[in-house]
Amino acid sequence: MNGGDAAGRLVRPFTLTGGRTRPSRADFTLITMVTTVDPPPERAVRPQPEHTRILRRCAEPVTVAELAVHLDLPVSVVVIMLCDLLEAGRIALHRPAPVSRTPDLDLDLLQKVRDGLGRL
């Protein structure tokens, strides 16, 4: 896990979430796309260092799963921090389009997911 500082000390995931173990919202799935809101809200609170890392990664649309991989953090921790940023108005969500009931389209979607995971 990469949650270390410059001195190489390990930061436990629960410290990044303030001891919280569950997200405050159920808006996020592994394939939910996230982007930063530009400009940030006028009364935006200065984010914590890990929140800043997330905001930098979300300058371009990124899925929750990709974000967790890039940050080298558990998805559950990333989702809790994303909830903080969403509630602060710092990010926007782009939910995936509903999966069709056509088997060919479902297979195409699964192949795209497989290819995307292979690139990680």
PDB file of N, CA and C in Angstrom:
ATOM      1  N   MET A   1       0.847  -1.172   0.000  1.00  0.00           N
ATOM      2  CA  MET A   1       0.000   0.000   0.000  1.00  0.00           C
ATOM      3  C   MET A   1       0.883   1.221   0.000  1.00  0.00           C
ATOM      4  N   ASN A   2       0.508   2.242  -0.767  1.00  0.00           N
ATOM      5  CA  ASN A   2       1.314   3.419  -0.963  1.00  0.00           C
ATOM      6  C   ASN A   2       1.009   4.520   0.032  1.00  0.00           C
ATOM      7  N   GLY A   3       0.164   4.340   0.993  1.00  0.00           N
ATOM      8  CA  GLY A   3      -0.254   5.411   1.866  1.00  0.00           C
ATOM      9  C   GLY A   3       0.854   5.946   2.742  1.00  0.00           C
ATOM     10  N   GLY A   4       2.127   5.907   2.287  1.00  0.00           N
ATOM     11  CA  GLY A   4       3.232   6.378   3.102  1.00  0.00           C
ATOM     12  C   GLY A   4       3.558   7.835   2.827  1.00  0.00           C
ATOM     13  N   ASP A   5       4.233   8.493   3.790  1.00  0.00           N
ATOM     14  CA  ASP A   5       4.659   9.860   3.595  1.00  0.00           C
ATOM     15  C   ASP A   5       6.099   9.883   3.107  1.00  0.00           C
ATOM     16  N   ALA A   6       6.694  11.072   3.030  1.00  0.00           N
ATOM     17  CA  ALA A   6       8.044  11.219   2.496  1.00  0.00           C
ATOM     18  C   ALA A   6       9.084  10.462   3.321  1.00  0.00           C
ATOM     19  N   ALA A   7       8.832  10.286   4.606  1.00  0.00           N
ATOM     20  CA  ALA A   7       9.776   9.570   5.469  1.00  0.00           C
ATOM     21  C   ALA A   7       9.591   8.060   5.371  1.00  0.00           C
ATOM     22  N   GLY A   8       8.631   7.608   4.577  1.00  0.00           N
ATOM     23  CA  GLY A   8       8.399   6.190   4.382  1.00  0.00           C
ATOM     24  C   GLY A   8       7.506   5.555   5.433  1.00  0.00           C
ATOM     25  N   ARG A   9       6.897   6.351   6.293  1.00  0.00           N
ATOM     26  CA  ARG A   9       5.989   5.791   7.298  1.00  0.00           C
ATOM     27  C   ARG A   9       4.682   5.398   6.630  1.00  0.00           C
ATOM     28  N   LEU A  10       4.110   4.323   7.099  1.00  0.00           N
ATOM     29  CA  LEU A  10       2.860   3.817   6.555  1.00  0.00           C
ATOM     30  C   LEU A  10       1.684   4.517   7.225  1.00  0.00           C
ATOM     31  N   VAL A  11       0.726   4.977   6.408  1.00  0.00           N
ATOM     32  CA  VAL A  11      -0.489   5.586   6.933  1.00  0.00           C
ATOM     33  C   VAL A  11      -1.595   4.550   6.800  1.00  0.00           C
ATOM     34  N   ARG A  12      -2.196   4.187   7.899  1.00  0.00           N
ATOM     35  CA  ARG A  12      -3.264   3.191   7.890  1.00  0.00           C
ATOM     36  C   ARG A  12      -4.502   3.746   7.190  1.00  0.00           C
ATOM     37  N   PRO A  13      -5.194   2.900   6.406  1.00  0.00           N
ATOM     38  CA  PRO A  13      -6.372   3.380   5.671  1.00  0.00           C
ATOM     39  C   PRO A  13      -7.420   4.036   6.563  1.00  0.00           C
ATOM     40  N   PHE A  14      -7.641   3.531   7.775  1.00  0.00           N
ATOM     41  CA  PHE A  14      -8.684   4.121   8.606  1.00  0.00           C
ATOM     42  C   PHE A  14      -8.323   5.534   9.047  1.00  0.00           C
ATOM     43  N   THR A  15      -7.042   5.894   9.035  1.00  0.00           N
ATOM     44  CA  THR A  15      -6.684   7.270   9.365  1.00  0.00           C
ATOM     45  C   THR A  15      -7.041   8.212   8.218  1.00  0.00           C
ATOM     46  N   LEU A  16      -7.013   7.705   6.994  1.00  0.00           N
ATOM     47  CA  LEU A  16      -7.383   8.517   5.836  1.00  0.00           C
ATOM     48  C   LEU A  16      -8.872   8.835   5.820  1.00  0.00           C
ATOM     49  N   THR A  17      -9.656   7.974   6.446  1.00  0.00           N
ATOM     50  CA  THR A  17     -11.112   8.161   6.447  1.00  0.00           C
ATOM     51  C   THR A  17     -11.626   8.670   7.786  1.00  0.00           C
ATOM     52  N   GLY A  18     -10.722   9.042   8.671  1.00  0.00           N
ATOM     53  CA  GLY A  18     -11.147   9.521   9.987  1.00  0.00           C
ATOM     54  C   GLY A  18     -11.784   8.427  10.819  1.00  0.00           C
ATOM     55  N   GLY A  19     -11.381   7.191  10.588  1.00  0.00           N
ATOM     56  CA  GLY A  19     -11.923   6.064  11.338  1.00  0.00           C
ATOM     57  C   GLY A  19     -13.224   5.511  10.772  1.00  0.00           C
ATOM     58  N   ARG A  20     -13.747   6.138   9.741  1.00  0.00           N
ATOM     59  CA  ARG A  20     -15.003   5.655   9.144  1.00  0.00           C
ATOM     60  C   ARG A  20     -14.744   4.396   8.328  1.00  0.00           C
ATOM     61  N   THR A  21     -15.685   3.470   8.387  1.00  0.00           N
ATOM     62  CA  THR A  21     -15.536   2.222   7.642  1.00  0.00           C
ATOM     63  C   THR A  21     -16.606   2.052   6.570  1.00  0.00           C
ATOM     64  N   ARG A  22     -17.575   2.939   6.553  1.00  0.00           N
ATOM     65  CA  ARG A  22     -18.659   2.860   5.561  1.00  0.00           C
ATOM     66  C   ARG A  22     -18.862   4.213   4.895  1.00  0.00           C
ATOM     67  N   PRO A  23     -19.154   4.191   3.598  1.00  0.00           N
ATOM     68  CA  PRO A  23     -19.411   5.460   2.904  1.00  0.00           C
ATOM     69  C   PRO A  23     -20.721   6.079   3.384  1.00  0.00           C
ATOM     70  N   SER A  24     -20.805   7.394   3.277  1.00  0.00           N
ATOM     71  CA  SER A  24     -22.017   8.103   3.690  1.00  0.00           C
ATOM     72  C   SER A  24     -23.092   8.074   2.613  1.00  0.00           C
ATOM     73  N   ARG A  25     -22.740   7.613   1.427  1.00  0.00           N
ATOM     74  CA  ARG A  25     -23.677   7.560   0.298  1.00  0.00           C
ATOM     75  C   ARG A  25     -23.480   6.247  -0.447  1.00  0.00           C
ATOM     76  N   ALA A  26     -24.463   5.913  -1.262  1.00  0.00           N
ATOM     77  CA  ALA A  26     -24.386   4.684  -2.056  1.00  0.00           C
ATOM     78  C   ALA A  26     -24.309   5.009  -3.548  1.00  0.00           C
ATOM     79  N   ASP A  27     -23.695   6.139  -3.883  1.00  0.00           N
ATOM     80  CA  ASP A  27     -23.648   6.602  -5.273  1.00  0.00           C
ATOM     81  C   ASP A  27     -22.574   5.942  -6.122  1.00  0.00           C
ATOM     82  N   PHE A  28     -21.609   5.286  -5.502  1.00  0.00           N
ATOM     83  CA  PHE A  28     -20.431   4.836  -6.220  1.00  0.00           C
ATOM     84  C   PHE A  28     -20.433   3.338  -6.480  1.00  0.00           C
ATOM     85  N   THR A  29     -20.089   2.979  -7.721  1.00  0.00           N
ATOM     86  CA  THR A  29     -19.813   1.594  -8.084  1.00  0.00           C
ATOM     87  C   THR A  29     -18.387   1.581  -8.627  1.00  0.00           C
ATOM     88  N   LEU A  30     -17.873   0.429  -8.938  1.00  0.00           N
ATOM     89  CA  LEU A  30     -16.517   0.347  -9.479  1.00  0.00           C
ATOM     90  C   LEU A  30     -16.376   1.065 -10.819  1.00  0.00           C
ATOM     91  N   ILE A  31     -17.467   1.151 -11.577  1.00  0.00           N
ATOM     92  CA  ILE A  31     -17.384   1.756 -12.908  1.00  0.00           C
ATOM     93  C   ILE A  31     -17.978   3.165 -12.974  1.00  0.00           C
ATOM     94  N   THR A  32     -18.303   3.744 -11.828  1.00  0.00           N
ATOM     95  CA  THR A  32     -18.765   5.127 -11.809  1.00  0.00           C
ATOM     96  C   THR A  32     -17.598   6.027 -12.214  1.00  0.00           C
ATOM     97  N   MET A  33     -17.843   6.921 -13.170  1.00  0.00           N
ATOM     98  CA  MET A  33     -16.818   7.873 -13.603  1.00  0.00           C
ATOM     99  C   MET A  33     -16.877   9.100 -12.701  1.00  0.00           C
ATOM    100  N   VAL A  34     -15.705   9.621 -12.353  1.00  0.00           N
ATOM    101  CA  VAL A  34     -15.599  10.761 -11.458  1.00  0.00           C
ATOM    102  C   VAL A  34     -14.726  11.815 -12.112  1.00  0.00           C
ATOM    103  N   THR A  35     -15.126  13.099 -12.009  1.00  0.00           N
ATOM    104  CA  THR A  35     -14.306  14.212 -12.478  1.00  0.00           C
ATOM    105  C   THR A  35     -14.365  15.333 -11.452  1.00  0.00           C
ATOM    106  N   THR A  36     -13.335  16.171 -11.448  1.00  0.00           N
ATOM    107  CA  THR A  36     -13.341  17.322 -10.554  1.00  0.00           C
ATOM    108  C   THR A  36     -14.297  18.371 -11.084  1.00  0.00           C
ATOM    109  N   VAL A  37     -14.801  19.194 -10.169  1.00  0.00           N
ATOM    110  CA  VAL A  37     -15.658  20.316 -10.526  1.00  0.00           C
ATOM    111  C   VAL A  37     -14.746  21.532 -10.643  1.00  0.00           C
ATOM    112  N   ASP A  38     -14.834  22.204 -11.770  1.00  0.00           N
ATOM    113  CA  ASP A  38     -13.964  23.344 -12.004  1.00  0.00           C
ATOM    114  C   ASP A  38     -14.811  24.559 -12.340  1.00  0.00           C
ATOM    115  N   PRO A  39     -14.690  25.635 -11.653  1.00  0.00           N
ATOM    116  CA  PRO A  39     -13.852  25.866 -10.479  1.00  0.00           C
ATOM    117  C   PRO A  39     -14.510  25.282  -9.232  1.00  0.00           C
ATOM    118  N   PRO A  40     -13.711  25.087  -8.176  1.00  0.00           N
ATOM    119  CA  PRO A  40     -14.301  24.548  -6.944  1.00  0.00           C
ATOM    120  C   PRO A  40     -15.298  25.535  -6.356  1.00  0.00           C
ATOM    121  N   PRO A  41     -16.223  25.052  -5.530  1.00  0.00           N
ATOM    122  CA  PRO A  41     -17.183  25.946  -4.899  1.00  0.00           C
ATOM    123  C   PRO A  41     -16.469  27.055  -4.120  1.00  0.00           C
ATOM    124  N   GLU A  42     -17.110  28.240  -4.020  1.00  0.00           N
ATOM    125  CA  GLU A  42     -16.481  29.384  -3.356  1.00  0.00           C
ATOM    126  C   GLU A  42     -16.063  29.083  -1.926  1.00  0.00           C
ATOM    127  N   ARG A  43     -16.890  28.379  -1.199  1.00  0.00           N
ATOM    128  CA  ARG A  43     -16.590  28.118   0.213  1.00  0.00           C
ATOM    129  C   ARG A  43     -15.986  26.736   0.408  1.00  0.00           C
ATOM    130  N   ALA A  44     -15.209  26.290  -0.561  1.00  0.00           N
ATOM    131  CA  ALA A  44     -14.608  24.958  -0.470  1.00  0.00           C
ATOM    132  C   ALA A  44     -13.565  24.932   0.645  1.00  0.00           C
ATOM    133  N   VAL A  45     -13.651  23.908   1.464  1.00  0.00           N
ATOM    134  CA  VAL A  45     -12.683  23.699   2.534  1.00  0.00           C
ATOM    135  C   VAL A  45     -11.413  23.129   1.915  1.00  0.00           C
ATOM    136  N   ARG A  46     -10.275  23.535   2.439  1.00  0.00           N
ATOM    137  CA  ARG A  46      -9.000  23.017   1.929  1.00  0.00           C
ATOM    138  C   ARG A  46      -8.970  21.497   2.138  1.00  0.00           C
ATOM    139  N   PRO A  47      -8.777  20.726   1.050  1.00  0.00           N
ATOM    140  CA  PRO A  47      -8.800  19.268   1.174  1.00  0.00           C
ATOM    141  C   PRO A  47      -7.551  18.719   1.870  1.00  0.00           C
ATOM    142  N   GLN A  48      -7.696  17.538   2.443  1.00  0.00           N
ATOM    143  CA  GLN A  48      -6.574  16.817   3.034  1.00  0.00           C
ATOM    144  C   GLN A  48      -5.664  16.329   1.901  1.00  0.00           C
ATOM    145  N   PRO A  49      -4.413  15.950   2.207  1.00  0.00           N
ATOM    146  CA  PRO A  49      -3.483  15.520   1.141  1.00  0.00           C
ATOM    147  C   PRO A  49      -4.025  14.393   0.258  1.00  0.00           C
ATOM    148  N   GLU A  50      -4.671  13.386   0.847  1.00  0.00           N
ATOM    149  CA  GLU A  50      -5.201  12.287   0.027  1.00  0.00           C
ATOM    150  C   GLU A  50      -6.360  12.769  -0.843  1.00  0.00           C
ATOM    151  N   HIS A  51      -7.166  13.686  -0.340  1.00  0.00           N
ATOM    152  CA  HIS A  51      -8.237  14.254  -1.154  1.00  0.00           C
ATOM    153  C   HIS A  51      -7.635  15.025  -2.329  1.00  0.00           C
ATOM    154  N   THR A  52      -6.542  15.717  -2.091  1.00  0.00           N
ATOM    155  CA  THR A  52      -5.869  16.460  -3.163  1.00  0.00           C
ATOM    156  C   THR A  52      -5.352  15.514  -4.231  1.00  0.00           C
ATOM    157  N   ARG A  53      -4.801  14.374  -3.823  1.00  0.00           N
ATOM    158  CA  ARG A  53      -4.343  13.365  -4.787  1.00  0.00           C
ATOM    159  C   ARG A  53      -5.508  12.882  -5.650  1.00  0.00           C
ATOM    160  N   ILE A  54      -6.660  12.663  -5.016  1.00  0.00           N
ATOM    161  CA  ILE A  54      -7.844  12.227  -5.765  1.00  0.00           C
ATOM    162  C   ILE A  54      -8.257  13.310  -6.751  1.00  0.00           C
ATOM    163  N   LEU A  55      -8.306  14.553  -6.306  1.00  0.00           N
ATOM    164  CA  LEU A  55      -8.726  15.651  -7.181  1.00  0.00           C
ATOM    165  C   LEU A  55      -7.803  15.778  -8.391  1.00  0.00           C
ATOM    166  N   ARG A  56      -6.514  15.599  -8.192  1.00  0.00           N
ATOM    167  CA  ARG A  56      -5.571  15.654  -9.317  1.00  0.00           C
ATOM    168  C   ARG A  56      -5.856  14.544 -10.321  1.00  0.00           C
ATOM    169  N   ARG A  57      -6.099  13.336  -9.825  1.00  0.00           N
ATOM    170  CA  ARG A  57      -6.378  12.186 -10.707  1.00  0.00           C
ATOM    171  C   ARG A  57      -7.706  12.357 -11.435  1.00  0.00           C
ATOM    172  N   CYS A  58      -8.629  13.095 -10.831  1.00  0.00           N
ATOM    173  CA  CYS A  58      -9.964  13.253 -11.422  1.00  0.00           C
ATOM    174  C   CYS A  58     -10.057  14.453 -12.361  1.00  0.00           C
ATOM    175  N   ALA A  59      -8.926  15.066 -12.689  1.00  0.00           N
ATOM    176  CA  ALA A  59      -8.955  16.167 -13.647  1.00  0.00           C
ATOM    177  C   ALA A  59      -9.504  15.668 -14.983  1.00  0.00           C
ATOM    178  N   GLU A  60      -9.213  14.434 -15.304  1.00  0.00           N
ATOM    179  CA  GLU A  60      -9.788  13.739 -16.458  1.00  0.00           C
ATOM    180  C   GLU A  60     -10.715  12.668 -15.898  1.00  0.00           C
ATOM    181  N   PRO A  61     -11.800  12.348 -16.581  1.00  0.00           N
ATOM    182  CA  PRO A  61     -12.710  11.318 -16.057  1.00  0.00           C
ATOM    183  C   PRO A  61     -11.981  10.009 -15.768  1.00  0.00           C
ATOM    184  N   VAL A  62     -12.263   9.439 -14.611  1.00  0.00           N
ATOM    185  CA  VAL A  62     -11.641   8.193 -14.186  1.00  0.00           C
ATOM    186  C   VAL A  62     -12.674   7.387 -13.412  1.00  0.00           C
ATOM    187  N   THR A  63     -12.611   6.056 -13.539  1.00  0.00           N
ATOM    188  CA  THR A  63     -13.539   5.220 -12.780  1.00  0.00           C
ATOM    189  C   THR A  63     -13.026   5.058 -11.351  1.00  0.00           C
ATOM    190  N   VAL A  64     -13.928   4.685 -10.470  1.00  0.00           N
ATOM    191  CA  VAL A  64     -13.578   4.443  -9.073  1.00  0.00           C
ATOM    192  C   VAL A  64     -12.512   3.344  -8.991  1.00  0.00           C
ATOM    193  N   ALA A  65     -12.674   2.288  -9.774  1.00  0.00           N
ATOM    194  CA  ALA A  65     -11.705   1.181  -9.754  1.00  0.00           C
ATOM    195  C   ALA A  65     -10.321   1.654 -10.186  1.00  0.00           C
ATOM    196  N   GLU A  66     -10.243   2.429 -11.265  1.00  0.00           N
ATOM    197  CA  GLU A  66      -8.954   2.942 -11.740  1.00  0.00           C
ATOM    198  C   GLU A  66      -8.315   3.855 -10.699  1.00  0.00           C
ATOM    199  N   LEU A  67      -9.140   4.667 -10.073  1.00  0.00           N
ATOM    200  CA  LEU A  67      -8.649   5.585  -9.053  1.00  0.00           C
ATOM    201  C   LEU A  67      -8.010   4.828  -7.894  1.00  0.00           C
ATOM    202  N   ALA A  68      -8.661   3.773  -7.447  1.00  0.00           N
ATOM    203  CA  ALA A  68      -8.120   2.966  -6.347  1.00  0.00           C
ATOM    204  C   ALA A  68      -6.780   2.349  -6.737  1.00  0.00           C
ATOM    205  N   VAL A  69      -6.673   1.895  -7.985  1.00  0.00           N
ATOM    206  CA  VAL A  69      -5.416   1.302  -8.454  1.00  0.00           C
ATOM    207  C   VAL A  69      -4.319   2.362  -8.496  1.00  0.00           C
ATOM    208  N   HIS A  70      -4.620   3.519  -9.064  1.00  0.00           N
ATOM    209  CA  HIS A  70      -3.617   4.585  -9.178  1.00  0.00           C
ATOM    210  C   HIS A  70      -3.143   5.073  -7.809  1.00  0.00           C
ATOM    211  N   LEU A  71      -4.052   5.118  -6.845  1.00  0.00           N
ATOM    212  CA  LEU A  71      -3.705   5.605  -5.505  1.00  0.00           C
ATOM    213  C   LEU A  71      -3.139   4.513  -4.611  1.00  0.00           C
ATOM    214  N   ASP A  72      -3.236   3.261  -5.067  1.00  0.00           N
ATOM    215  CA  ASP A  72      -2.786   2.108  -4.294  1.00  0.00           C
ATOM    216  C   ASP A  72      -3.477   2.061  -2.930  1.00  0.00           C
ATOM    217  N   LEU A  73      -4.799   2.249  -2.981  1.00  0.00           N
ATOM    218  CA  LEU A  73      -5.625   2.214  -1.777  1.00  0.00           C
ATOM    219  C   LEU A  73      -6.802   1.279  -1.999  1.00  0.00           C
ATOM    220  N   PRO A  74      -7.349   0.703  -0.920  1.00  0.00           N
ATOM    221  CA  PRO A  74      -8.541  -0.131  -1.071  1.00  0.00           C
ATOM    222  C   PRO A  74      -9.710   0.694  -1.631  1.00  0.00           C
ATOM    223  N   VAL A  75     -10.532   0.056  -2.448  1.00  0.00           N
ATOM    224  CA  VAL A  75     -11.689   0.729  -3.040  1.00  0.00           C
ATOM    225  C   VAL A  75     -12.574   1.311  -1.947  1.00  0.00           C
ATOM    226  N   SER A  76     -12.763   0.594  -0.851  1.00  0.00           N
ATOM    227  CA  SER A  76     -13.634   1.084   0.221  1.00  0.00           C
ATOM    228  C   SER A  76     -13.140   2.406   0.792  1.00  0.00           C
ATOM    229  N   VAL A  77     -11.834   2.570   0.923  1.00  0.00           N
ATOM    230  CA  VAL A  77     -11.260   3.815   1.430  1.00  0.00           C
ATOM    231  C   VAL A  77     -11.458   4.936   0.409  1.00  0.00           C
ATOM    232  N   VAL A  78     -11.215   4.635  -0.851  1.00  0.00           N
ATOM    233  CA  VAL A  78     -11.382   5.631  -1.910  1.00  0.00           C
ATOM    234  C   VAL A  78     -12.837   6.095  -1.973  1.00  0.00           C
ATOM    235  N   VAL A  79     -13.782   5.175  -1.853  1.00  0.00           N
ATOM    236  CA  VAL A  79     -15.195   5.540  -1.913  1.00  0.00           C
ATOM    237  C   VAL A  79     -15.564   6.467  -0.751  1.00  0.00           C
ATOM    238  N   ILE A  80     -15.069   6.211   0.437  1.00  0.00           N
ATOM    239  CA  ILE A  80     -15.361   7.083   1.579  1.00  0.00           C
ATOM    240  C   ILE A  80     -14.816   8.487   1.315  1.00  0.00           C
ATOM    241  N   MET A  81     -13.605   8.565   0.777  1.00  0.00           N
ATOM    242  CA  MET A  81     -13.028   9.881   0.478  1.00  0.00           C
ATOM    243  C   MET A  81     -13.765  10.568  -0.673  1.00  0.00           C
ATOM    244  N   LEU A  82     -14.238   9.783  -1.647  1.00  0.00           N
ATOM    245  CA  LEU A  82     -15.028  10.361  -2.737  1.00  0.00           C
ATOM    246  C   LEU A  82     -16.346  10.923  -2.213  1.00  0.00           C
ATOM    247  N   CYS A  83     -16.933  10.257  -1.229  1.00  0.00           N
ATOM    248  CA  CYS A  83     -18.168  10.771  -0.614  1.00  0.00           C
ATOM    249  C   CYS A  83     -17.912  12.147  -0.004  1.00  0.00           C
ATOM    250  N   ASP A  84     -16.771  12.295   0.676  1.00  0.00           N
ATOM    251  CA  ASP A  84     -16.412  13.598   1.257  1.00  0.00           C
ATOM    252  C   ASP A  84     -16.336  14.663   0.171  1.00  0.00           C
ATOM    253  N   LEU A  85     -15.664  14.334  -0.919  1.00  0.00           N
ATOM    254  CA  LEU A  85     -15.481  15.299  -2.008  1.00  0.00           C
ATOM    255  C   LEU A  85     -16.792  15.611  -2.720  1.00  0.00           C
ATOM    256  N   LEU A  86     -17.647  14.611  -2.875  1.00  0.00           N
ATOM    257  CA  LEU A  86     -18.947  14.834  -3.508  1.00  0.00           C
ATOM    258  C   LEU A  86     -19.799  15.756  -2.645  1.00  0.00           C
ATOM    259  N   GLU A  87     -19.822  15.499  -1.343  1.00  0.00           N
ATOM    260  CA  GLU A  87     -20.614  16.324  -0.428  1.00  0.00           C
ATOM    261  C   GLU A  87     -20.073  17.749  -0.332  1.00  0.00           C
ATOM    262  N   ALA A  88     -18.779  17.927  -0.586  1.00  0.00           N
ATOM    263  CA  ALA A  88     -18.165  19.260  -0.576  1.00  0.00           C
ATOM    264  C   ALA A  88     -18.322  19.966  -1.919  1.00  0.00           C
ATOM    265  N   GLY A  89     -18.912  19.276  -2.906  1.00  0.00           N
ATOM    266  CA  GLY A  89     -19.105  19.874  -4.225  1.00  0.00           C
ATOM    267  C   GLY A  89     -17.845  19.943  -5.061  1.00  0.00           C
ATOM    268  N   ARG A  90     -16.851  19.116  -4.749  1.00  0.00           N
ATOM    269  CA  ARG A  90     -15.570  19.165  -5.450  1.00  0.00           C
ATOM    270  C   ARG A  90     -15.482  18.207  -6.635  1.00  0.00           C
ATOM    271  N   ILE A  91     -16.385  17.204  -6.700  1.00  0.00           N
ATOM    272  CA  ILE A  91     -16.367  16.247  -7.809  1.00  0.00           C
ATOM    273  C   ILE A  91     -17.769  16.081  -8.361  1.00  0.00           C
ATOM    274  N   ALA A  92     -17.831  15.565  -9.573  1.00  0.00           N
ATOM    275  CA  ALA A  92     -19.093  15.221 -10.210  1.00  0.00           C
ATOM    276  C   ALA A  92     -19.045  13.751 -10.606  1.00  0.00           C
ATOM    277  N   LEU A  93     -20.198  13.099 -10.546  1.00  0.00           N
ATOM    278  CA  LEU A  93     -20.313  11.692 -10.923  1.00  0.00           C
ATOM    279  C   LEU A  93     -20.927  11.577 -12.306  1.00  0.00           C
ATOM    280  N   HIS A  94     -20.499  10.566 -13.013  1.00  0.00           N
ATOM    281  CA  HIS A  94     -21.061  10.246 -14.321  1.00  0.00           C
ATOM    282  C   HIS A  94     -21.373   8.754 -14.279  1.00  0.00           C
ATOM    283  N   ARG A  95     -22.614   8.449 -14.025  1.00  0.00           N
ATOM    284  CA  ARG A  95     -23.008   7.048 -13.881  1.00  0.00           C
ATOM    285  C   ARG A  95     -22.979   6.350 -15.229  1.00  0.00           C
ATOM    286  N   PRO A  96     -22.639   5.069 -15.212  1.00  0.00           N
ATOM    287  CA  PRO A  96     -22.596   4.314 -16.468  1.00  0.00           C
ATOM    288  C   PRO A  96     -23.990   4.167 -17.054  1.00  0.00           C
ATOM    289  N   ALA A  97     -24.027   4.061 -18.365  1.00  0.00           N
ATOM    290  CA  ALA A  97     -25.303   3.833 -19.033  1.00  0.00           C
ATOM    291  C   ALA A  97     -25.819   2.456 -18.646  1.00  0.00           C
ATOM    292  N   PRO A  98     -27.148   2.314 -18.524  1.00  0.00           N
ATOM    293  CA  PRO A  98     -27.685   0.997 -18.176  1.00  0.00           C
ATOM    294  C   PRO A  98     -27.303  -0.050 -19.213  1.00  0.00           C
ATOM    295  N   VAL A  99     -27.042  -1.251 -18.735  1.00  0.00           N
ATOM    296  CA  VAL A  99     -26.695  -2.354 -19.620  1.00  0.00           C
ATOM    297  C   VAL A  99     -27.964  -2.813 -20.331  1.00  0.00           C
ATOM    298  N   SER A 100     -27.833  -3.030 -21.622  1.00  0.00           N
ATOM    299  CA  SER A 100     -29.001  -3.446 -22.402  1.00  0.00           C
ATOM    300  C   SER A 100     -29.330  -4.904 -22.127  1.00  0.00           C
ATOM    301  N   ARG A 101     -30.471  -5.295 -22.552  1.00  0.00           N
ATOM    302  CA  ARG A 101     -30.890  -6.692 -22.419  1.00  0.00           C
ATOM    303  C   ARG A 101     -30.522  -7.514 -23.648  1.00  0.00           C
ATOM    304  N   THR A 102     -29.811  -6.887 -24.589  1.00  0.00           N
ATOM    305  CA  THR A 102     -29.383  -7.594 -25.791  1.00  0.00           C
ATOM    306  C   THR A 102     -28.087  -8.335 -25.478  1.00  0.00           C
ATOM    307  N   PRO A 103     -28.079  -9.667 -25.621  1.00  0.00           N
ATOM    308  CA  PRO A 103     -26.880 -10.440 -25.266  1.00  0.00           C
ATOM    309  C   PRO A 103     -25.609  -9.993 -25.979  1.00  0.00           C
ATOM    310  N   ASP A 104     -25.701  -9.606 -27.259  1.00  0.00           N
ATOM    311  CA  ASP A 104     -24.514  -9.180 -27.993  1.00  0.00           C
ATOM    312  C   ASP A 104     -23.905  -7.927 -27.375  1.00  0.00           C
ATOM    313  N   LEU A 105     -24.752  -6.983 -26.948  1.00  0.00           N
ATOM    314  CA  LEU A 105     -24.244  -5.762 -26.334  1.00  0.00           C
ATOM    315  C   LEU A 105     -23.655  -6.049 -24.956  1.00  0.00           C
ATOM    316  N   ASP A 106     -24.253  -6.970 -24.212  1.00  0.00           N
ATOM    317  CA  ASP A 106     -23.723  -7.348 -22.908  1.00  0.00           C
ATOM    318  C   ASP A 106     -22.342  -7.971 -23.065  1.00  0.00           C
ATOM    319  N   LEU A 107     -22.165  -8.830 -24.056  1.00  0.00           N
ATOM    320  CA  LEU A 107     -20.878  -9.464 -24.315  1.00  0.00           C
ATOM    321  C   LEU A 107     -19.853  -8.415 -24.710  1.00  0.00           C
ATOM    322  N   ASP A 108     -20.251  -7.444 -25.535  1.00  0.00           N
ATOM    323  CA  ASP A 108     -19.352  -6.368 -25.946  1.00  0.00           C
ATOM    324  C   ASP A 108     -18.906  -5.552 -24.735  1.00  0.00           C
ATOM    325  N   LEU A 109     -19.836  -5.248 -23.831  1.00  0.00           N
ATOM    326  CA  LEU A 109     -19.498  -4.503 -22.622  1.00  0.00           C
ATOM    327  C   LEU A 109     -18.524  -5.295 -21.753  1.00  0.00           C
ATOM    328  N   LEU A 110     -18.771  -6.579 -21.584  1.00  0.00           N
ATOM    329  CA  LEU A 110     -17.878  -7.409 -20.774  1.00  0.00           C
ATOM    330  C   LEU A 110     -16.471  -7.466 -21.378  1.00  0.00           C
ATOM    331  N   GLN A 111     -16.383  -7.528 -22.707  1.00  0.00           N
ATOM    332  CA  GLN A 111     -15.081  -7.541 -23.352  1.00  0.00           C
ATOM    333  C   GLN A 111     -14.346  -6.215 -23.137  1.00  0.00           C
ATOM    334  N   LYS A 112     -15.086  -5.095 -23.164  1.00  0.00           N
ATOM    335  CA  LYS A 112     -14.472  -3.790 -22.917  1.00  0.00           C
ATOM    336  C   LYS A 112     -13.973  -3.699 -21.476  1.00  0.00           C
ATOM    337  N   VAL A 113     -14.739  -4.223 -20.536  1.00  0.00           N
ATOM    338  CA  VAL A 113     -14.318  -4.220 -19.138  1.00  0.00           C
ATOM    339  C   VAL A 113     -13.057  -5.075 -18.978  1.00  0.00           C
ATOM    340  N   ARG A 114     -13.055  -6.262 -19.592  1.00  0.00           N
ATOM    341  CA  ARG A 114     -11.883  -7.134 -19.527  1.00  0.00           C
ATOM    342  C   ARG A 114     -10.652  -6.445 -20.098  1.00  0.00           C
ATOM    343  N   ASP A 115     -10.814  -5.792 -21.254  1.00  0.00           N
ATOM    344  CA  ASP A 115      -9.698  -5.090 -21.878  1.00  0.00           C
ATOM    345  C   ASP A 115      -9.208  -3.945 -21.002  1.00  0.00           C
ATOM    346  N   GLY A 116     -10.138  -3.213 -20.398  1.00  0.00           N
ATOM    347  CA  GLY A 116      -9.761  -2.119 -19.518  1.00  0.00           C
ATOM    348  C   GLY A 116      -9.010  -2.598 -18.294  1.00  0.00           C
ATOM    349  N   LEU A 117      -9.466  -3.695 -17.709  1.00  0.00           N
ATOM    350  CA  LEU A 117      -8.775  -4.248 -16.549  1.00  0.00           C
ATOM    351  C   LEU A 117      -7.391  -4.763 -16.936  1.00  0.00           C
ATOM    352  N   GLY A 118      -7.277  -5.285 -18.148  1.00  0.00           N
ATOM    353  CA  GLY A 118      -5.976  -5.768 -18.619  1.00  0.00           C
ATOM    354  C   GLY A 118      -4.970  -4.639 -18.779  1.00  0.00           C
ATOM    355  N   ARG A 119      -5.463  -3.424 -19.081  1.00  0.00           N
ATOM    356  CA  ARG A 119      -4.568  -2.268 -19.230  1.00  0.00           C
ATOM    357  C   ARG A 119      -4.105  -1.733 -17.883  1.00  0.00           C
ATOM    358  N   LEU A 120      -4.826  -2.082 -16.816  1.00  0.00           N
ATOM    359  CA  LEU A 120      -4.402  -1.613 -15.487  1.00  0.00           C
ATOM    360  C   LEU A 120      -3.193  -2.371 -15.085  1.00  0.00           C
TER     361      LEU A 120
END
